[in-house]
Amino acid sequence: MGDVIIVDGSRYSIEKAREEFKKSKDLRILYPVNPEFFSVELFDDVEKMDDILREEMEYIKGEALRALSWDADESLIRRRENLFVFYGTAEDVLSYVKRKNVNKIRLFITNQVDKFNKIDFTEIINNSEIPVEVERGTILPEDVRIWDIVVKNVISINVPGTRDDLLKTLKENKISGVPVSRDGHLVGIATRTDILKNLEEDQVAMLMTRNPITISPHSSVIEAAKVLLEKKIRRLPVVLDTVLIGIVTVADVMRCIANLGIEEEIKDYVNEEVTPVWEDTPLPVVTRIMDLAKRKALPVLDDAGQLTGIITDEDIIRVSKIEDYIEVFADSPGYDNDEWTWECVRNVESHYYGVSRIEQPMIPVKNIMARDVVKVSNTSKASRCALRMVRNRIDQLPVVSAKDELIGMLHDRDLMKVLL
């Protein structure tokens, strides 16, 4: 066999392959898709998983063929035979080219390929026994697919389950929400916000949002951003035929933006309608303000009106505790006009049942707020702001003026608009 072209699936790589294929119709094009975003347990727990993956692969191959087509009248049959799309690692690629006696590998990849869930192309370059010719280009937002950023082996909770189980999972893993599944199939989403809005509900099945909006692995990050914004949600379960594959969150989209190197200034995405709280405001009041403002974090000001900290719903959950107590419900099988009731004295039955609720300490917000505030200005660049959010595990940045005065907030949800 002659030369083999290997692509990473980006528009740059497909376009380069298309140009080379015009010159020689005998070229073999390899498009390896990283299989590591699939949990091994899926193949054991979910029936017909192999069939589901085959259908997904056919979709990916069809999409790549359409991108390779430059003549609408030309048959796709020959290109279909020359395009090999498969789930495989760098080791699988090297094994293939060795088995086929390839003369040379021509590798078309983007400069940011190692930032996403791609195979290890560096291993191909360093360990190939045959010559490797590498050409690099720039990745575009349109190139990034959900499988490039998906979090596999996602933390989830099963039903039936209790609020204690949910709280423990959120606290231990420092996350704000989890998918809820039954037998490997997605049935809902449960979040910190659900807990705070239903303080006396104990069952996960009653707390969770049912029939959540989902996305497929081959969808683009742009589509994910649109859905997250339009539906006003923070996480999208990634599913194949209702099987939970992983999850994509607003934080994952921020990580993607950070890796794309977008130099646009953030001034058009800053929210100037800020809801601050005074540093001595009692914590239960802050929770209520968050709920009314529909915000997960609020800036905290001191007596002089200067920014002194940030309070998040995660901070509040961390110091909250569950109080259990017993309620008594008096019931009677009889009624005043019941002929079996003697002199209107009825048999009263007392029913005892357990109740629990979340108790928030009556302390000022300054006692638990984050004091080391990461701040930005209107002229800060989009990718740099996204990187700050990712590194500090936060979803908002206070925006300050040249005089260090608070003028607005940059929320991760608003920063996603840079992709649209």
Protein backbone atom coordinates (compact mmCIF):
# COMPACT_ATOMS: atom_id res chain seq x y z
CA MET A 1 0.00 0.00 0.00
CA GLY A 2 1.15 3.57 -0.67
CA ASP A 3 0.57 6.56 1.59
CA VAL A 4 -2.10 6.72 4.26
CA ILE A 5 -3.73 9.95 5.44
CA ILE A 6 -4.78 10.19 9.08
CA VAL A 7 -7.20 12.96 10.15
CA ASP A 8 -8.44 14.16 13.54
CA GLY A 9 -11.93 15.00 12.23
CA SER A 10 -11.45 18.79 12.18
CA ARG A 11 -12.48 20.85 9.17
CA TYR A 12 -8.84 21.61 8.55
CA SER A 13 -7.87 17.91 8.45
CA ILE A 14 -10.85 16.88 6.31
CA GLU A 15 -10.20 19.70 3.84
CA LYS A 16 -6.54 18.69 3.55
CA ALA A 17 -7.56 15.07 2.99
CA ARG A 18 -10.07 16.22 0.38
CA GLU A 19 -7.35 18.11 -1.53
CA GLU A 20 -5.04 15.10 -1.50
CA PHE A 21 -7.82 12.73 -2.52
CA LYS A 22 -8.47 14.90 -5.57
CA LYS A 23 -4.90 14.18 -6.66
CA SER A 24 -5.00 10.45 -6.01
CA LYS A 25 -8.18 8.40 -5.68
CA ASP A 26 -6.17 5.47 -4.30
CA LEU A 27 -5.36 7.17 -1.01
CA ARG A 28 -6.58 5.53 2.17
CA ILE A 29 -7.99 7.94 4.77
CA LEU A 30 -8.08 6.88 8.41
CA TYR A 31 -10.32 8.68 10.89
CA PRO A 32 -9.77 7.17 14.38
CA VAL A 33 -12.34 8.06 17.04
CA ASN A 34 -11.19 7.79 20.63
CA PRO A 35 -13.10 4.91 22.26
CA GLU A 36 -12.08 5.92 25.77
CA PHE A 37 -15.11 8.15 26.33
CA PHE A 38 -17.16 4.94 26.60
CA SER A 39 -17.24 3.32 30.00
CA VAL A 40 -16.27 -0.36 29.89
CA GLU A 41 -19.22 -1.15 32.15
CA LEU A 42 -21.63 -0.06 29.42
CA PHE A 43 -20.83 -3.13 27.37
CA ASP A 44 -21.58 -5.37 30.35
CA ASP A 45 -24.68 -3.58 31.62
CA VAL A 46 -26.49 -2.46 28.47
CA GLU A 47 -27.97 -4.86 25.96
CA LYS A 48 -27.30 -4.27 22.24
CA MET A 49 -24.53 -1.75 23.03
CA ASP A 50 -22.52 -3.02 20.06
CA ASP A 51 -25.44 -2.34 17.72
CA ILE A 52 -25.85 1.17 19.15
CA LEU A 53 -22.17 1.93 18.57
CA ARG A 54 -22.31 0.60 15.00
CA GLU A 55 -25.17 2.97 14.21
CA GLU A 56 -23.19 5.87 15.69
CA MET A 57 -20.15 4.97 13.60
CA GLU A 58 -22.23 4.91 10.43
CA TYR A 59 -23.45 8.41 11.24
CA ILE A 60 -19.88 9.68 11.75
CA LYS A 61 -18.71 8.06 8.53
CA GLY A 62 -21.61 9.52 6.55
CA GLU A 63 -20.84 12.98 7.90
CA ALA A 64 -17.16 12.67 6.94
CA LEU A 65 -18.08 11.45 3.45
CA ARG A 66 -20.29 14.48 2.92
CA ALA A 67 -17.39 16.71 3.98
CA LEU A 68 -15.07 14.93 1.52
CA SER A 69 -17.51 15.32 -1.38
CA TRP A 70 -16.66 18.10 -3.85
CA ASP A 71 -18.73 16.96 -6.81
CA ALA A 72 -22.41 16.31 -6.22
CA ASP A 73 -22.57 14.10 -9.30
CA GLU A 74 -19.65 11.91 -8.26
CA SER A 75 -20.53 8.63 -6.58
CA LEU A 76 -19.69 8.28 -2.90
CA ILE A 77 -19.05 4.56 -3.27
CA ARG A 78 -15.33 4.86 -4.03
CA ARG A 79 -14.77 7.39 -1.24
CA ARG A 80 -16.69 5.15 1.16
CA GLU A 81 -14.26 2.32 0.37
CA ASN A 82 -11.27 4.61 0.92
CA LEU A 83 -12.50 6.17 4.18
CA PHE A 84 -11.95 4.05 7.26
CA VAL A 85 -13.71 5.43 10.37
CA PHE A 86 -13.26 3.34 13.50
CA TYR A 87 -13.10 3.39 17.28
CA GLY A 88 -9.43 2.88 18.06
CA THR A 89 -6.30 4.07 19.84
CA ALA A 90 -2.92 5.22 18.52
CA GLU A 91 -1.70 1.67 19.04
CA ASP A 92 -4.51 0.37 16.82
CA VAL A 93 -3.53 2.85 14.09
CA LEU A 94 0.13 1.81 14.21
CA SER A 95 -0.87 -1.85 14.07
CA TYR A 96 -3.05 -1.20 11.02
CA VAL A 97 -0.42 0.68 8.98
CA LYS A 98 2.17 -1.96 9.79
CA ARG A 99 -0.15 -4.78 8.76
CA LYS A 100 -0.99 -3.02 5.48
CA ASN A 101 2.68 -2.29 4.65
CA VAL A 102 2.05 1.45 4.35
CA ASN A 103 4.95 3.43 2.87
CA LYS A 104 4.27 6.75 4.60
CA ILE A 105 1.81 8.31 7.04
CA ARG A 106 0.53 11.80 6.28
CA LEU A 107 -0.95 13.24 9.44
CA PHE A 108 -3.32 16.24 9.29
CA ILE A 109 -4.20 17.50 12.79
CA THR A 110 -4.87 20.77 14.62
CA ASN A 111 -2.51 22.48 17.03
CA GLN A 112 -4.98 22.00 19.91
CA VAL A 113 -5.61 18.30 19.27
CA ASP A 114 -4.06 17.26 22.60
CA LYS A 115 -6.53 19.49 24.50
CA PHE A 116 -9.53 17.36 23.58
CA ASN A 117 -10.59 13.72 23.88
CA LYS A 118 -8.69 12.64 20.77
CA ILE A 119 -6.37 9.69 20.42
CA ASP A 120 -2.70 10.24 21.25
CA PHE A 121 -1.36 11.44 17.91
CA THR A 122 2.01 12.12 19.55
CA GLU A 123 2.36 8.37 20.06
CA ILE A 124 1.86 7.83 16.33
CA ILE A 125 4.52 10.44 15.52
CA ASN A 126 7.06 9.12 18.03
CA ASN A 127 6.53 5.36 17.75
CA SER A 128 5.82 4.78 14.08
CA GLU A 129 8.29 2.50 12.29
CA ILE A 130 7.51 4.19 8.98
CA PRO A 131 7.97 7.87 8.04
CA VAL A 132 5.35 10.31 9.38
CA GLU A 133 4.71 13.65 7.70
CA VAL A 134 2.79 16.06 9.95
CA GLU A 135 0.83 19.19 8.97
CA ARG A 136 -0.99 21.24 11.58
CA GLY A 137 -3.83 23.74 11.37
CA THR A 138 -6.16 25.67 13.65
CA ILE A 139 -9.23 24.20 15.29
CA LEU A 140 -12.56 26.03 15.00
CA PRO A 141 -15.53 25.93 17.39
CA GLU A 142 -17.44 24.03 14.67
CA ASP A 143 -14.85 21.24 14.88
CA VAL A 144 -15.44 20.39 18.52
CA ARG A 145 -17.86 17.52 19.07
CA ILE A 146 -19.41 16.38 22.30
CA TRP A 147 -17.20 13.29 22.36
CA ASP A 148 -14.22 15.71 22.39
CA ILE A 149 -15.24 17.20 25.74
CA VAL A 150 -17.58 14.65 27.33
CA VAL A 151 -16.89 13.49 30.87
CA LYS A 152 -17.07 9.71 30.85
CA ASN A 153 -17.67 7.48 33.89
CA VAL A 154 -19.95 10.25 35.03
CA ILE A 155 -20.94 10.42 38.68
CA SER A 156 -24.61 9.55 38.95
CA ILE A 157 -27.20 8.48 41.48
CA ASN A 158 -29.77 5.73 41.22
CA VAL A 159 -33.44 5.63 42.07
CA PRO A 160 -34.80 4.78 44.49
CA GLY A 161 -32.54 7.02 46.58
CA THR A 162 -32.74 9.63 49.30
CA ARG A 163 -31.79 13.27 49.61
CA ASP A 164 -29.03 12.19 52.01
CA ASP A 165 -27.54 10.06 49.22
CA LEU A 166 -27.75 13.02 46.85
CA LEU A 167 -26.22 15.51 49.31
CA LYS A 168 -23.38 13.13 50.09
CA THR A 169 -22.63 12.62 46.41
CA LEU A 170 -22.65 16.36 45.67
CA LYS A 171 -20.48 17.24 48.66
CA GLU A 172 -17.91 14.46 48.23
CA ASN A 173 -17.43 15.17 44.54
CA LYS A 174 -17.77 18.98 44.76
CA ILE A 175 -20.37 19.09 42.00
CA SER A 176 -23.71 20.87 41.68
CA GLY A 177 -25.82 18.20 40.04
CA VAL A 178 -25.91 14.58 38.88
CA PRO A 179 -27.81 12.46 36.37
CA VAL A 180 -30.29 10.03 37.87
CA SER A 181 -30.44 6.59 36.28
CA ARG A 182 -32.23 3.29 36.54
CA ASP A 183 -30.57 0.16 35.09
CA GLY A 184 -28.14 2.26 33.03
CA HIS A 185 -30.89 4.36 31.41
CA LEU A 186 -31.30 8.05 32.16
CA VAL A 187 -34.47 9.03 34.05
CA GLY A 188 -33.70 12.48 35.47
CA ILE A 189 -31.34 15.16 36.79
CA ALA A 190 -30.97 16.23 40.45
CA THR A 191 -29.18 19.43 41.51
CA ARG A 192 -28.31 21.58 44.52
CA THR A 193 -30.97 24.02 43.38
CA ASP A 194 -33.59 21.25 43.54
CA ILE A 195 -32.60 20.62 47.17
CA LEU A 196 -32.73 24.29 48.15
CA LYS A 197 -36.15 24.72 46.54
CA ASN A 198 -37.59 21.61 48.23
CA LEU A 199 -36.08 21.67 51.71
CA GLU A 200 -38.50 19.12 53.19
CA GLU A 201 -38.50 16.59 50.32
CA ASP A 202 -36.51 13.44 51.00
CA GLN A 203 -36.81 11.24 47.90
CA VAL A 204 -34.56 11.73 44.86
CA ALA A 205 -37.43 10.71 42.59
CA MET A 206 -39.42 13.70 43.85
CA LEU A 207 -36.50 16.13 43.79
CA MET A 208 -35.19 15.37 40.32
CA THR A 209 -36.23 16.87 36.99
CA ARG A 210 -37.77 14.09 34.91
CA ASN A 211 -37.25 13.53 31.18
CA PRO A 212 -34.20 15.79 31.02
CA ILE A 213 -32.97 17.33 27.78
CA THR A 214 -30.10 15.31 26.32
CA ILE A 215 -27.52 15.49 23.54
CA SER A 216 -25.74 12.92 21.37
CA PRO A 217 -21.95 12.39 21.27
CA HIS A 218 -21.62 13.53 17.63
CA SER A 219 -23.37 16.88 18.20
CA SER A 220 -21.20 20.01 18.16
CA VAL A 221 -20.22 22.08 21.18
CA ILE A 222 -22.02 25.00 19.50
CA GLU A 223 -25.26 23.02 19.56
CA ALA A 224 -24.64 22.17 23.21
CA ALA A 225 -24.12 25.86 24.05
CA LYS A 226 -27.36 26.78 22.29
CA VAL A 227 -29.35 24.16 24.20
CA LEU A 228 -27.81 25.10 27.55
CA LEU A 229 -28.64 28.75 26.94
CA GLU A 230 -32.13 28.33 25.48
CA LYS A 231 -33.27 25.82 28.10
CA LYS A 232 -31.53 27.65 30.96
CA ILE A 233 -29.84 24.51 32.24
CA ARG A 234 -26.26 23.79 33.32
CA ARG A 235 -25.73 20.19 32.31
CA LEU A 236 -26.61 17.94 29.40
CA PRO A 237 -26.56 14.17 29.76
CA VAL A 238 -24.91 12.55 26.74
CA VAL A 239 -26.91 9.57 25.56
CA LEU A 240 -26.99 6.99 22.83
CA ASP A 241 -30.45 5.50 22.46
CA THR A 242 -31.33 6.55 26.08
CA VAL A 243 -28.13 4.90 27.41
CA LEU A 244 -26.20 7.31 29.63
CA ILE A 245 -22.72 7.72 28.11
CA GLY A 246 -21.51 10.76 30.04
CA ILE A 247 -22.33 14.37 30.72
CA VAL A 248 -21.43 17.79 29.35
CA THR A 249 -21.73 20.79 31.62
CA VAL A 250 -21.31 24.54 31.27
CA ALA A 251 -17.91 24.04 32.94
CA ASP A 252 -16.90 21.65 30.13
CA VAL A 253 -17.91 24.26 27.56
CA MET A 254 -15.76 26.79 29.47
CA ARG A 255 -12.81 24.40 29.25
CA CYS A 256 -13.42 24.15 25.51
CA ILE A 257 -13.51 27.95 25.12
CA ALA A 258 -10.29 28.21 27.12
CA ASN A 259 -8.60 25.79 24.70
CA LEU A 260 -9.85 27.52 21.54
CA GLY A 261 -7.80 30.67 22.11
CA ILE A 262 -10.63 33.12 21.42
CA GLU A 263 -9.29 36.69 21.61
CA GLU A 264 -12.63 38.51 21.64
CA GLU A 265 -13.12 40.93 24.55
CA ILE A 266 -15.82 40.06 27.08
CA LYS A 267 -17.49 43.49 27.26
CA ASP A 268 -20.55 42.35 25.27
CA TYR A 269 -21.18 39.43 27.66
CA VAL A 270 -20.97 41.25 30.99
CA ASN A 271 -24.18 41.42 33.02
CA GLU A 272 -24.50 44.86 34.59
CA GLU A 273 -27.67 43.91 36.52
CA VAL A 274 -25.88 42.77 39.66
CA THR A 275 -27.56 41.53 42.85
CA PRO A 276 -25.05 42.10 45.68
CA VAL A 277 -25.56 41.31 49.36
CA TRP A 278 -24.18 43.02 52.44
CA GLU A 279 -21.51 41.02 54.26
CA ASP A 280 -23.57 40.88 57.50
CA THR A 281 -26.70 39.50 55.82
CA PRO A 282 -27.89 36.29 57.58
CA LEU A 283 -27.32 33.14 55.54
CA PRO A 284 -31.03 32.11 55.24
CA VAL A 285 -31.78 35.57 53.82
CA VAL A 286 -28.95 35.19 51.29
CA THR A 287 -30.46 31.87 50.20
CA ARG A 288 -33.80 33.56 49.64
CA ILE A 289 -32.17 36.39 47.64
CA MET A 290 -30.38 33.81 45.47
CA ASP A 291 -33.68 32.10 44.79
CA LEU A 292 -35.45 35.35 43.88
CA ALA A 293 -32.55 36.58 41.73
CA LYS A 294 -32.20 33.13 40.12
CA ARG A 295 -28.45 33.22 40.71
CA LYS A 296 -26.11 30.55 42.04
CA ALA A 297 -23.56 33.12 43.25
CA LEU A 298 -23.72 36.68 44.55
CA PRO A 299 -21.06 39.35 45.14
CA VAL A 300 -20.67 40.45 48.76
CA LEU A 301 -20.06 44.12 49.66
CA ASP A 302 -18.70 45.65 52.87
CA ASP A 303 -19.96 48.76 54.69
CA ALA A 304 -18.16 51.00 52.17
CA GLY A 305 -19.79 49.28 49.20
CA GLN A 306 -16.53 47.62 48.12
CA LEU A 307 -16.38 44.07 46.81
CA THR A 308 -15.15 41.86 49.62
CA GLY A 309 -16.16 38.34 48.59
CA ILE A 310 -18.38 35.92 46.66
CA ILE A 311 -21.02 33.57 48.10
CA THR A 312 -22.21 30.52 46.15
CA ASP A 313 -24.93 27.94 46.65
CA GLU A 314 -22.14 25.39 47.16
CA ASP A 315 -20.88 27.39 50.15
CA ILE A 316 -24.38 27.37 51.63
CA ILE A 317 -24.89 23.63 51.10
CA ARG A 318 -21.53 22.94 52.72
CA VAL A 319 -22.52 24.49 56.07
CA SER A 320 -26.15 23.31 56.06
CA LYS A 321 -27.27 20.29 58.04
CA ILE A 322 -30.25 17.98 58.00
CA GLU A 323 -32.58 18.07 60.98
CA ASP A 324 -34.78 15.05 61.60
CA TYR A 325 -37.91 15.16 63.75
CA ILE A 326 -41.21 13.37 64.29
CA GLU A 327 -44.60 14.69 63.17
CA VAL A 328 -47.86 13.46 64.69
CA PHE A 329 -50.93 13.25 62.51
CA ALA A 330 -54.27 12.65 64.26
CA ASP A 331 -56.81 10.76 62.19
CA SER A 332 -60.24 9.37 62.82
CA PRO A 333 -62.20 6.70 61.01
CA GLY A 334 -65.49 8.30 62.09
CA TYR A 335 -67.49 11.46 61.38
CA ASP A 336 -69.88 13.59 63.45
CA ASN A 337 -72.89 12.22 61.60
CA ASP A 338 -71.58 8.66 61.57
CA GLU A 339 -74.23 6.40 63.13
CA TRP A 340 -71.49 4.34 64.72
CA THR A 341 -70.11 7.39 66.56
CA TRP A 342 -71.29 7.40 70.19
CA GLU A 343 -72.03 10.90 71.54
CA CYS A 344 -69.69 12.34 68.90
CA VAL A 345 -66.67 10.79 70.63
CA ARG A 346 -64.62 9.21 67.87
CA ASN A 347 -61.75 6.79 67.91
CA VAL A 348 -58.73 9.04 67.22
CA GLU A 349 -55.69 7.29 65.74
CA SER A 350 -52.28 8.93 65.99
CA HIS A 351 -49.87 8.33 63.10
CA TYR A 352 -46.20 9.07 63.60
CA TYR A 353 -43.92 9.72 60.64
CA GLY A 354 -40.39 10.99 60.19
CA VAL A 355 -39.72 14.36 58.65
CA SER A 356 -36.38 15.94 57.77
CA ARG A 357 -35.44 19.38 56.54
CA ILE A 358 -32.30 21.33 55.78
CA GLU A 359 -31.34 23.77 58.52
CA GLN A 360 -29.15 26.75 57.63
CA PRO A 361 -27.15 28.42 60.41
CA MET A 362 -28.12 31.98 61.33
CA ILE A 363 -24.68 33.43 60.63
CA PRO A 364 -23.56 36.40 58.54
CA VAL A 365 -22.57 35.58 54.99
CA LYS A 366 -19.06 36.95 55.55
CA ASN A 367 -18.31 33.93 57.76
CA ILE A 368 -18.40 31.48 54.85
CA MET A 369 -17.93 33.56 51.68
CA ALA A 370 -14.88 33.20 49.44
CA ARG A 371 -12.56 36.15 50.06
CA ASP A 372 -9.88 35.57 47.41
CA VAL A 373 -11.93 36.98 44.55
CA VAL A 374 -10.69 36.52 40.99
CA LYS A 375 -11.56 39.69 39.06
CA VAL A 376 -11.47 40.73 35.39
CA SER A 377 -12.05 43.86 33.33
CA ASN A 378 -14.26 44.64 30.32
CA THR A 379 -11.26 44.29 28.01
CA SER A 380 -10.27 40.82 29.20
CA LYS A 381 -10.20 38.14 26.49
CA ALA A 382 -12.84 35.38 26.33
CA SER A 383 -10.51 32.37 26.46
CA ARG A 384 -8.45 33.83 29.31
CA CYS A 385 -11.61 34.42 31.36
CA ALA A 386 -12.81 30.90 30.65
CA LEU A 387 -9.43 29.56 31.77
CA ARG A 388 -9.68 31.48 35.05
CA MET A 389 -13.11 29.99 35.69
CA VAL A 390 -11.83 26.48 34.99
CA ARG A 391 -8.68 26.79 37.11
CA ASN A 392 -10.55 28.27 40.07
CA ARG A 393 -13.60 26.00 39.73
CA ILE A 394 -15.98 28.98 39.62
CA ASP A 395 -18.82 29.92 37.30
CA GLN A 396 -18.69 33.70 37.56
CA LEU A 397 -16.15 36.51 37.63
CA PRO A 398 -16.70 39.99 39.07
CA VAL A 399 -15.94 42.68 36.48
CA VAL A 400 -14.30 45.78 37.88
CA SER A 401 -13.41 49.22 36.55
CA ALA A 402 -9.97 50.82 36.42
CA LYS A 403 -10.72 52.08 39.96
CA ASP A 404 -11.37 48.50 41.11
CA GLU A 405 -15.11 49.19 41.54
CA LEU A 406 -17.65 46.48 40.79
CA ILE A 407 -19.42 47.24 37.49
CA GLY A 408 -20.89 43.85 36.60
CA MET A 409 -20.60 40.07 36.60
CA LEU A 410 -19.39 37.73 33.90
CA HIS A 411 -21.30 34.48 34.20
CA ASP A 412 -20.14 31.34 32.42
CA ARG A 413 -23.55 31.00 30.77
CA ASP A 414 -23.17 34.43 29.19
CA LEU A 415 -19.59 33.71 28.11
CA MET A 416 -20.86 30.68 26.16
CA LYS A 417 -22.43 33.14 23.73
CA VAL A 418 -18.96 33.74 22.28
CA LEU A 419 -19.42 30.43 20.44
CA LEU A 420 -22.65 31.46 18.72
